Amino acid sequence: MTLSFPNPSRSFDETRNAVRFTGHDGMFEVRFFVEIEALAKSDSALAGTAASETKYLSAFDTLRSSIHKVAGKAYSRDRRSSYTLTAADFR
C-alpha cells in the first residue's frame, strides 16, 4: 500500500509546537507533526510577523502539497506510526 492523505483536517498542537495531520496506509493511520520552524522557513508570509495558530494553519494549507511529499518520503524510508518533520526535512 502507499501513503495517502484522504482527510484534509489538521490542527495545531501547542505541546509539540507543531501542526498535526494524518496519513493512511491502507487501514493504518500515520500521525505527522510539522514543526513551526519548518513552516516559518518555508512560508515567507510568516517572516517577521507575530506568529499565531491561525497563521501556522494557513501556512500549512499553503504548503500542503510539498508537506505531503516530504511526509511520503519520510514514510517510505522508515515505516513508523508517527513522524515529526523538521526544517531539515524540507531542504
PDB file of N, CA and C in Angstrom:
ATOM      1  N   MET A   1       0.844  -1.181   0.000  1.00  0.00           N
ATOM      2  CA  MET A   1       0.000   0.000   0.000  1.00  0.00           C
ATOM      3  C   MET A   1       0.887   1.242   0.000  1.00  0.00           C
ATOM      4  N   THR A   2       0.290   2.335  -0.397  1.00  0.00           N
ATOM      5  CA  THR A   2       1.018   3.593  -0.375  1.00  0.00           C
ATOM      6  C   THR A   2       0.346   4.557   0.584  1.00  0.00           C
ATOM      7  N   LEU A   3       1.090   5.529   1.006  1.00  0.00           N
ATOM      8  CA  LEU A   3       0.592   6.528   1.932  1.00  0.00           C
ATOM      9  C   LEU A   3      -0.314   7.498   1.186  1.00  0.00           C
ATOM     10  N   SER A   4      -1.460   7.795   1.777  1.00  0.00           N
ATOM     11  CA  SER A   4      -2.376   8.771   1.193  1.00  0.00           C
ATOM     12  C   SER A   4      -2.861   9.706   2.293  1.00  0.00           C
ATOM     13  N   PHE A   5      -3.436  10.815   1.863  1.00  0.00           N
ATOM     14  CA  PHE A   5      -3.909  11.832   2.809  1.00  0.00           C
ATOM     15  C   PHE A   5      -5.363  12.188   2.487  1.00  0.00           C
ATOM     16  N   PRO A   6      -6.280  11.237   2.735  1.00  0.00           N
ATOM     17  CA  PRO A   6      -7.676  11.470   2.367  1.00  0.00           C
ATOM     18  C   PRO A   6      -8.403  12.472   3.268  1.00  0.00           C
ATOM     19  N   ASN A   7      -7.899  12.698   4.454  1.00  0.00           N
ATOM     20  CA  ASN A   7      -8.545  13.605   5.401  1.00  0.00           C
ATOM     21  C   ASN A   7      -7.765  14.919   5.440  1.00  0.00           C
ATOM     22  N   PRO A   8      -8.353  16.022   4.985  1.00  0.00           N
ATOM     23  CA  PRO A   8      -7.623  17.291   4.927  1.00  0.00           C
ATOM     24  C   PRO A   8      -7.494  18.018   6.266  1.00  0.00           C
ATOM     25  N   SER A   9      -8.060  17.469   7.332  1.00  0.00           N
ATOM     26  CA  SER A   9      -8.009  18.175   8.603  1.00  0.00           C
ATOM     27  C   SER A   9      -6.589  18.218   9.151  1.00  0.00           C
ATOM     28  N   ARG A  10      -6.335  19.273   9.878  1.00  0.00           N
ATOM     29  CA  ARG A  10      -5.058  19.480  10.556  1.00  0.00           C
ATOM     30  C   ARG A  10      -5.355  20.296  11.794  1.00  0.00           C
ATOM     31  N   SER A  11      -4.460  20.257  12.768  1.00  0.00           N
ATOM     32  CA  SER A  11      -4.673  21.010  13.996  1.00  0.00           C
ATOM     33  C   SER A  11      -3.332  21.468  14.545  1.00  0.00           C
ATOM     34  N   PHE A  12      -3.401  22.495  15.357  1.00  0.00           N
ATOM     35  CA  PHE A  12      -2.182  22.999  15.987  1.00  0.00           C
ATOM     36  C   PHE A  12      -2.010  22.290  17.316  1.00  0.00           C
ATOM     37  N   ASP A  13      -0.840  21.706  17.512  1.00  0.00           N
ATOM     38  CA  ASP A  13      -0.521  21.007  18.748  1.00  0.00           C
ATOM     39  C   ASP A  13       0.404  21.912  19.556  1.00  0.00           C
ATOM     40  N   GLU A  14      -0.175  22.576  20.541  1.00  0.00           N
ATOM     41  CA  GLU A  14       0.577  23.555  21.327  1.00  0.00           C
ATOM     42  C   GLU A  14       1.718  22.906  22.119  1.00  0.00           C
ATOM     43  N   THR A  15       1.502  21.696  22.608  1.00  0.00           N
ATOM     44  CA  THR A  15       2.527  20.996  23.381  1.00  0.00           C
ATOM     45  C   THR A  15       3.766  20.723  22.530  1.00  0.00           C
ATOM     46  N   ARG A  16       3.559  20.282  21.300  1.00  0.00           N
ATOM     47  CA  ARG A  16       4.668  19.970  20.397  1.00  0.00           C
ATOM     48  C   ARG A  16       5.128  21.178  19.590  1.00  0.00           C
ATOM     49  N   ASN A  17       4.348  22.262  19.639  1.00  0.00           N
ATOM     50  CA  ASN A  17       4.656  23.451  18.853  1.00  0.00           C
ATOM     51  C   ASN A  17       4.745  23.078  17.366  1.00  0.00           C
ATOM     52  N   ALA A  18       3.703  22.395  16.906  1.00  0.00           N
ATOM     53  CA  ALA A  18       3.695  21.850  15.557  1.00  0.00           C
ATOM     54  C   ALA A  18       2.256  21.734  15.049  1.00  0.00           C
ATOM     55  N   VAL A  19       2.139  21.574  13.746  1.00  0.00           N
ATOM     56  CA  VAL A  19       0.839  21.290  13.144  1.00  0.00           C
ATOM     57  C   VAL A  19       0.747  19.779  12.952  1.00  0.00           C
ATOM     58  N   ARG A  20      -0.362  19.236  13.382  1.00  0.00           N
ATOM     59  CA  ARG A  20      -0.590  17.784  13.328  1.00  0.00           C
ATOM     60  C   ARG A  20      -1.519  17.453  12.163  1.00  0.00           C
ATOM     61  N   PHE A  21      -1.196  16.384  11.443  1.00  0.00           N
ATOM     62  CA  PHE A  21      -2.073  15.872  10.398  1.00  0.00           C
ATOM     63  C   PHE A  21      -1.855  14.373  10.291  1.00  0.00           C
ATOM     64  N   THR A  22      -2.737  13.692   9.575  1.00  0.00           N
ATOM     65  CA  THR A  22      -2.627  12.244   9.483  1.00  0.00           C
ATOM     66  C   THR A  22      -2.584  11.782   8.031  1.00  0.00           C
ATOM     67  N   GLY A  23      -1.932  10.661   7.863  1.00  0.00           N
ATOM     68  CA  GLY A  23      -1.917   9.969   6.588  1.00  0.00           C
ATOM     69  C   GLY A  23      -2.426   8.565   6.828  1.00  0.00           C
ATOM     70  N   HIS A  24      -2.699   7.848   5.750  1.00  0.00           N
ATOM     71  CA  HIS A  24      -3.184   6.479   5.878  1.00  0.00           C
ATOM     72  C   HIS A  24      -2.453   5.572   4.896  1.00  0.00           C
ATOM     73  N   ASP A  25      -2.079   4.421   5.404  1.00  0.00           N
ATOM     74  CA  ASP A  25      -1.505   3.356   4.582  1.00  0.00           C
ATOM     75  C   ASP A  25      -2.449   2.177   4.747  1.00  0.00           C
ATOM     76  N   GLY A  26      -3.379   2.077   3.815  1.00  0.00           N
ATOM     77  CA  GLY A  26      -4.424   1.075   3.969  1.00  0.00           C
ATOM     78  C   GLY A  26      -5.254   1.409   5.182  1.00  0.00           C
ATOM     79  N   MET A  27      -5.348   0.479   6.107  1.00  0.00           N
ATOM     80  CA  MET A  27      -6.147   0.715   7.302  1.00  0.00           C
ATOM     81  C   MET A  27      -5.329   1.315   8.455  1.00  0.00           C
ATOM     82  N   PHE A  28      -4.035   1.533   8.244  1.00  0.00           N
ATOM     83  CA  PHE A  28      -3.175   2.071   9.294  1.00  0.00           C
ATOM     84  C   PHE A  28      -3.110   3.592   9.231  1.00  0.00           C
ATOM     85  N   GLU A  29      -3.325   4.230  10.373  1.00  0.00           N
ATOM     86  CA  GLU A  29      -3.207   5.679  10.470  1.00  0.00           C
ATOM     87  C   GLU A  29      -1.775   6.038  10.861  1.00  0.00           C
ATOM     88  N   VAL A  30      -1.234   7.044  10.202  1.00  0.00           N
ATOM     89  CA  VAL A  30       0.124   7.505  10.480  1.00  0.00           C
ATOM     90  C   VAL A  30       0.026   8.975  10.877  1.00  0.00           C
ATOM     91  N   ARG A  31       0.536   9.305  12.065  1.00  0.00           N
ATOM     92  CA  ARG A  31       0.489  10.684  12.549  1.00  0.00           C
ATOM     93  C   ARG A  31       1.739  11.436  12.116  1.00  0.00           C
ATOM     94  N   PHE A  32       1.537  12.674  11.722  1.00  0.00           N
ATOM     95  CA  PHE A  32       2.642  13.543  11.343  1.00  0.00           C
ATOM     96  C   PHE A  32       2.524  14.858  12.093  1.00  0.00           C
ATOM     97  N   PHE A  33       3.686  15.418  12.412  1.00  0.00           N
ATOM     98  CA  PHE A  33       3.768  16.742  13.020  1.00  0.00           C
ATOM     99  C   PHE A  33       4.777  17.546  12.203  1.00  0.00           C
ATOM    100  N   VAL A  34       4.420  18.764  11.851  1.00  0.00           N
ATOM    101  CA  VAL A  34       5.351  19.664  11.169  1.00  0.00           C
ATOM    102  C   VAL A  34       5.699  20.762  12.158  1.00  0.00           C
ATOM    103  N   GLU A  35       6.970  20.830  12.544  1.00  0.00           N
ATOM    104  CA  GLU A  35       7.394  21.851  13.496  1.00  0.00           C
ATOM    105  C   GLU A  35       7.156  23.243  12.914  1.00  0.00           C
ATOM    106  N   ILE A  36       6.802  24.184  13.776  1.00  0.00           N
ATOM    107  CA  ILE A  36       6.502  25.528  13.287  1.00  0.00           C
ATOM    108  C   ILE A  36       7.729  26.196  12.674  1.00  0.00           C
ATOM    109  N   GLU A  37       8.924  25.826  13.101  1.00  0.00           N
ATOM    110  CA  GLU A  37      10.133  26.378  12.500  1.00  0.00           C
ATOM    111  C   GLU A  37      10.218  25.998  11.025  1.00  0.00           C
ATOM    112  N   ALA A  38       9.790  24.789  10.701  1.00  0.00           N
ATOM    113  CA  ALA A  38       9.792  24.343   9.301  1.00  0.00           C
ATOM    114  C   ALA A  38       8.795  25.156   8.491  1.00  0.00           C
ATOM    115  N   LEU A  39       7.642  25.433   9.057  1.00  0.00           N
ATOM    116  CA  LEU A  39       6.650  26.247   8.361  1.00  0.00           C
ATOM    117  C   LEU A  39       7.143  27.676   8.182  1.00  0.00           C
ATOM    118  N   ALA A  40       7.765  28.226   9.215  1.00  0.00           N
ATOM    119  CA  ALA A  40       8.249  29.600   9.145  1.00  0.00           C
ATOM    120  C   ALA A  40       9.337  29.756   8.092  1.00  0.00           C
ATOM    121  N   LYS A  41      10.200  28.762   7.941  1.00  0.00           N
ATOM    122  CA  LYS A  41      11.256  28.836   6.933  1.00  0.00           C
ATOM    123  C   LYS A  41      10.721  28.628   5.525  1.00  0.00           C
ATOM    124  N   SER A  42       9.618  27.914   5.407  1.00  0.00           N
ATOM    125  CA  SER A  42       9.073  27.579   4.099  1.00  0.00           C
ATOM    126  C   SER A  42       8.030  28.566   3.590  1.00  0.00           C
ATOM    127  N   ASP A  43       7.480  29.380   4.468  1.00  0.00           N
ATOM    128  CA  ASP A  43       6.428  30.318   4.066  1.00  0.00           C
ATOM    129  C   ASP A  43       6.864  31.743   4.372  1.00  0.00           C
ATOM    130  N   SER A  44       7.153  32.505   3.339  1.00  0.00           N
ATOM    131  CA  SER A  44       7.645  33.873   3.513  1.00  0.00           C
ATOM    132  C   SER A  44       6.614  34.768   4.195  1.00  0.00           C
ATOM    133  N   ALA A  45       5.343  34.422   4.178  1.00  0.00           N
ATOM    134  CA  ALA A  45       4.315  35.228   4.826  1.00  0.00           C
ATOM    135  C   ALA A  45       4.482  35.241   6.351  1.00  0.00           C
ATOM    136  N   LEU A  46       5.176  34.259   6.891  1.00  0.00           N
ATOM    137  CA  LEU A  46       5.396  34.204   8.336  1.00  0.00           C
ATOM    138  C   LEU A  46       6.623  34.991   8.779  1.00  0.00           C
ATOM    139  N   ALA A  47       7.482  35.316   7.843  1.00  0.00           N
ATOM    140  CA  ALA A  47       8.734  36.001   8.189  1.00  0.00           C
ATOM    141  C   ALA A  47       8.448  37.385   8.765  1.00  0.00           C
ATOM    142  N   GLY A  48       9.033  37.633   9.907  1.00  0.00           N
ATOM    143  CA  GLY A  48       8.951  38.948  10.521  1.00  0.00           C
ATOM    144  C   GLY A  48       7.585  39.306  11.086  1.00  0.00           C
ATOM    145  N   THR A  49       6.700  38.358  11.269  1.00  0.00           N
ATOM    146  CA  THR A  49       5.395  38.644  11.835  1.00  0.00           C
ATOM    147  C   THR A  49       5.230  37.892  13.141  1.00  0.00           C
ATOM    148  N   ALA A  50       4.310  38.374  13.948  1.00  0.00           N
ATOM    149  CA  ALA A  50       3.976  37.652  15.169  1.00  0.00           C
ATOM    150  C   ALA A  50       3.182  36.413  14.767  1.00  0.00           C
ATOM    151  N   ALA A  51       3.704  35.274  15.096  1.00  0.00           N
ATOM    152  CA  ALA A  51       3.076  34.021  14.694  1.00  0.00           C
ATOM    153  C   ALA A  51       1.878  33.708  15.581  1.00  0.00           C
ATOM    154  N   SER A  52       0.905  33.064  14.991  1.00  0.00           N
ATOM    155  CA  SER A  52      -0.273  32.624  15.729  1.00  0.00           C
ATOM    156  C   SER A  52      -0.712  31.280  15.177  1.00  0.00           C
ATOM    157  N   GLU A  53      -1.562  30.615  15.927  1.00  0.00           N
ATOM    158  CA  GLU A  53      -2.084  29.325  15.483  1.00  0.00           C
ATOM    159  C   GLU A  53      -2.731  29.457  14.103  1.00  0.00           C
ATOM    160  N   THR A  54      -3.491  30.507  13.910  1.00  0.00           N
ATOM    161  CA  THR A  54      -4.176  30.724  12.627  1.00  0.00           C
ATOM    162  C   THR A  54      -3.177  30.869  11.487  1.00  0.00           C
ATOM    163  N   LYS A  55      -2.099  31.589  11.716  1.00  0.00           N
ATOM    164  CA  LYS A  55      -1.086  31.781  10.669  1.00  0.00           C
ATOM    165  C   LYS A  55      -0.360  30.480  10.349  1.00  0.00           C
ATOM    166  N   TYR A  56      -0.082  29.682  11.360  1.00  0.00           N
ATOM    167  CA  TYR A  56       0.593  28.406  11.108  1.00  0.00           C
ATOM    168  C   TYR A  56      -0.311  27.443  10.345  1.00  0.00           C
ATOM    169  N   LEU A  57      -1.582  27.405  10.692  1.00  0.00           N
ATOM    170  CA  LEU A  57      -2.512  26.542   9.963  1.00  0.00           C
ATOM    171  C   LEU A  57      -2.677  27.014   8.523  1.00  0.00           C
ATOM    172  N   SER A  58      -2.688  28.320   8.321  1.00  0.00           N
ATOM    173  CA  SER A  58      -2.775  28.872   6.971  1.00  0.00           C
ATOM    174  C   SER A  58      -1.519  28.532   6.165  1.00  0.00           C
ATOM    175  N   ALA A  59      -0.361  28.632   6.811  1.00  0.00           N
ATOM    176  CA  ALA A  59       0.894  28.272   6.143  1.00  0.00           C
ATOM    177  C   ALA A  59       0.887  26.794   5.766  1.00  0.00           C
ATOM    178  N   PHE A  60       0.387  25.957   6.655  1.00  0.00           N
ATOM    179  CA  PHE A  60       0.280  24.530   6.354  1.00  0.00           C
ATOM    180  C   PHE A  60      -0.589  24.325   5.115  1.00  0.00           C
ATOM    181  N   ASP A  61      -1.725  24.999   5.074  1.00  0.00           N
ATOM    182  CA  ASP A  61      -2.639  24.856   3.935  1.00  0.00           C
ATOM    183  C   ASP A  61      -1.966  25.279   2.634  1.00  0.00           C
ATOM    184  N   THR A  62      -1.193  26.360   2.689  1.00  0.00           N
ATOM    185  CA  THR A  62      -0.481  26.846   1.504  1.00  0.00           C
ATOM    186  C   THR A  62       0.559  25.840   1.033  1.00  0.00           C
ATOM    187  N   LEU A  63       1.232  25.198   1.975  1.00  0.00           N
ATOM    188  CA  LEU A  63       2.334  24.286   1.682  1.00  0.00           C
ATOM    189  C   LEU A  63       1.927  22.810   1.680  1.00  0.00           C
ATOM    190  N   ARG A  64       0.642  22.545   1.763  1.00  0.00           N
ATOM    191  CA  ARG A  64       0.137  21.180   1.938  1.00  0.00           C
ATOM    192  C   ARG A  64       0.745  20.179   0.944  1.00  0.00           C
ATOM    193  N   SER A  65       0.796  20.522  -0.315  1.00  0.00           N
ATOM    194  CA  SER A  65       1.308  19.593  -1.327  1.00  0.00           C
ATOM    195  C   SER A  65       2.761  19.205  -1.048  1.00  0.00           C
ATOM    196  N   SER A  66       3.603  20.191  -0.771  1.00  0.00           N
ATOM    197  CA  SER A  66       5.010  19.879  -0.502  1.00  0.00           C
ATOM    198  C   SER A  66       5.170  19.156   0.837  1.00  0.00           C
ATOM    199  N   ILE A  67       4.341  19.478   1.812  1.00  0.00           N
ATOM    200  CA  ILE A  67       4.389  18.786   3.105  1.00  0.00           C
ATOM    201  C   ILE A  67       4.031  17.316   2.919  1.00  0.00           C
ATOM    202  N   HIS A  68       3.012  17.043   2.130  1.00  0.00           N
ATOM    203  CA  HIS A  68       2.632  15.655   1.877  1.00  0.00           C
ATOM    204  C   HIS A  68       3.741  14.897   1.151  1.00  0.00           C
ATOM    205  N   LYS A  69       4.451  15.549   0.241  1.00  0.00           N
ATOM    206  CA  LYS A  69       5.567  14.895  -0.455  1.00  0.00           C
ATOM    207  C   LYS A  69       6.680  14.544   0.529  1.00  0.00           C
ATOM    208  N   VAL A  70       7.019  15.482   1.396  1.00  0.00           N
ATOM    209  CA  VAL A  70       8.067  15.244   2.392  1.00  0.00           C
ATOM    210  C   VAL A  70       7.625  14.134   3.355  1.00  0.00           C
ATOM    211  N   ALA A  71       6.378  14.153   3.760  1.00  0.00           N
ATOM    212  CA  ALA A  71       5.853  13.113   4.645  1.00  0.00           C
ATOM    213  C   ALA A  71       5.926  11.745   3.964  1.00  0.00           C
ATOM    214  N   GLY A  72       5.576  11.689   2.693  1.00  0.00           N
ATOM    215  CA  GLY A  72       5.647  10.440   1.951  1.00  0.00           C
ATOM    216  C   GLY A  72       7.057   9.902   1.852  1.00  0.00           C
ATOM    217  N   LYS A  73       8.028  10.796   1.636  1.00  0.00           N
ATOM    218  CA  LYS A  73       9.430  10.371   1.578  1.00  0.00           C
ATOM    219  C   LYS A  73       9.893   9.823   2.923  1.00  0.00           C
ATOM    220  N   ALA A  74       9.532  10.528   3.990  1.00  0.00           N
ATOM    221  CA  ALA A  74       9.917  10.060   5.329  1.00  0.00           C
ATOM    222  C   ALA A  74       9.311   8.685   5.608  1.00  0.00           C
ATOM    223  N   TYR A  75       8.074   8.500   5.244  1.00  0.00           N
ATOM    224  CA  TYR A  75       7.385   7.231   5.488  1.00  0.00           C
ATOM    225  C   TYR A  75       7.977   6.108   4.649  1.00  0.00           C
ATOM    226  N   SER A  76       8.369   6.399   3.442  1.00  0.00           N
ATOM    227  CA  SER A  76       8.921   5.343   2.576  1.00  0.00           C
ATOM    228  C   SER A  76      10.299   4.871   3.048  1.00  0.00           C
ATOM    229  N   ARG A  77      11.042   5.730   3.755  1.00  0.00           N
ATOM    230  CA  ARG A  77      12.353   5.346   4.278  1.00  0.00           C
ATOM    231  C   ARG A  77      12.240   4.440   5.500  1.00  0.00           C
ATOM    232  N   ASP A  78      11.246   4.733   6.331  1.00  0.00           N
ATOM    233  CA  ASP A  78      11.137   4.049   7.621  1.00  0.00           C
ATOM    234  C   ASP A  78       9.679   4.066   8.054  1.00  0.00           C
ATOM    235  N   ARG A  79       8.990   2.990   7.889  1.00  0.00           N
ATOM    236  CA  ARG A  79       7.549   2.946   8.176  1.00  0.00           C
ATOM    237  C   ARG A  79       7.299   2.853   9.677  1.00  0.00           C
ATOM    238  N   ARG A  80       6.861   3.976  10.224  1.00  0.00           N
ATOM    239  CA  ARG A  80       6.519   4.055  11.641  1.00  0.00           C
ATOM    240  C   ARG A  80       5.102   4.592  11.775  1.00  0.00           C
ATOM    241  N   SER A  81       4.627   4.731  12.984  1.00  0.00           N
ATOM    242  CA  SER A  81       3.270   5.232  13.200  1.00  0.00           C
ATOM    243  C   SER A  81       3.229   6.729  13.469  1.00  0.00           C
ATOM    244  N   SER A  82       4.408   7.365  13.672  1.00  0.00           N
ATOM    245  CA  SER A  82       4.435   8.789  13.978  1.00  0.00           C
ATOM    246  C   SER A  82       5.750   9.407  13.494  1.00  0.00           C
ATOM    247  N   TYR A  83       5.649  10.630  12.957  1.00  0.00           N
ATOM    248  CA  TYR A  83       6.822  11.351  12.441  1.00  0.00           C
ATOM    249  C   TYR A  83       6.738  12.805  12.838  1.00  0.00           C
ATOM    250  N   THR A  84       7.887  13.396  13.109  1.00  0.00           N
ATOM    251  CA  THR A  84       7.972  14.841  13.280  1.00  0.00           C
ATOM    252  C   THR A  84       8.858  15.366  12.167  1.00  0.00           C
ATOM    253  N   LEU A  85       8.274  16.225  11.335  1.00  0.00           N
ATOM    254  CA  LEU A  85       9.002  16.808  10.205  1.00  0.00           C
ATOM    255  C   LEU A  85       9.604  18.138  10.652  1.00  0.00           C
ATOM    256  N   THR A  86      10.906  18.289  10.395  1.00  0.00           N
ATOM    257  CA  THR A  86      11.621  19.489  10.804  1.00  0.00           C
ATOM    258  C   THR A  86      12.047  20.277   9.564  1.00  0.00           C
ATOM    259  N   ALA A  87      12.622  21.439   9.788  1.00  0.00           N
ATOM    260  CA  ALA A  87      13.092  22.268   8.669  1.00  0.00           C
ATOM    261  C   ALA A  87      14.095  21.503   7.813  1.00  0.00           C
ATOM    262  N   ALA A  88      14.911  20.659   8.416  1.00  0.00           N
ATOM    263  CA  ALA A  88      15.905  19.880   7.670  1.00  0.00           C
ATOM    264  C   ALA A  88      15.245  18.935   6.666  1.00  0.00           C
ATOM    265  N   ASP A  89      14.053  18.479   6.934  1.00  0.00           N
ATOM    266  CA  ASP A  89      13.357  17.581   6.002  1.00  0.00           C
ATOM    267  C   ASP A  89      12.901  18.288   4.722  1.00  0.00           C
ATOM    268  N   PHE A  90      12.839  19.606   4.754  1.00  0.00           N
ATOM    269  CA  PHE A  90      12.332  20.372   3.610  1.00  0.00           C
ATOM    270  C   PHE A  90      13.435  20.956   2.743  1.00  0.00           C
ATOM    271  N   ARG A  91      14.652  20.529   2.937  1.00  0.00           N
ATOM    272  CA  ARG A  91      15.772  21.029   2.123  1.00  0.00           C
ATOM    273  C   ARG A  91      15.872  20.286   0.838  1.00  0.00           C
TER     274      ARG A  91
END
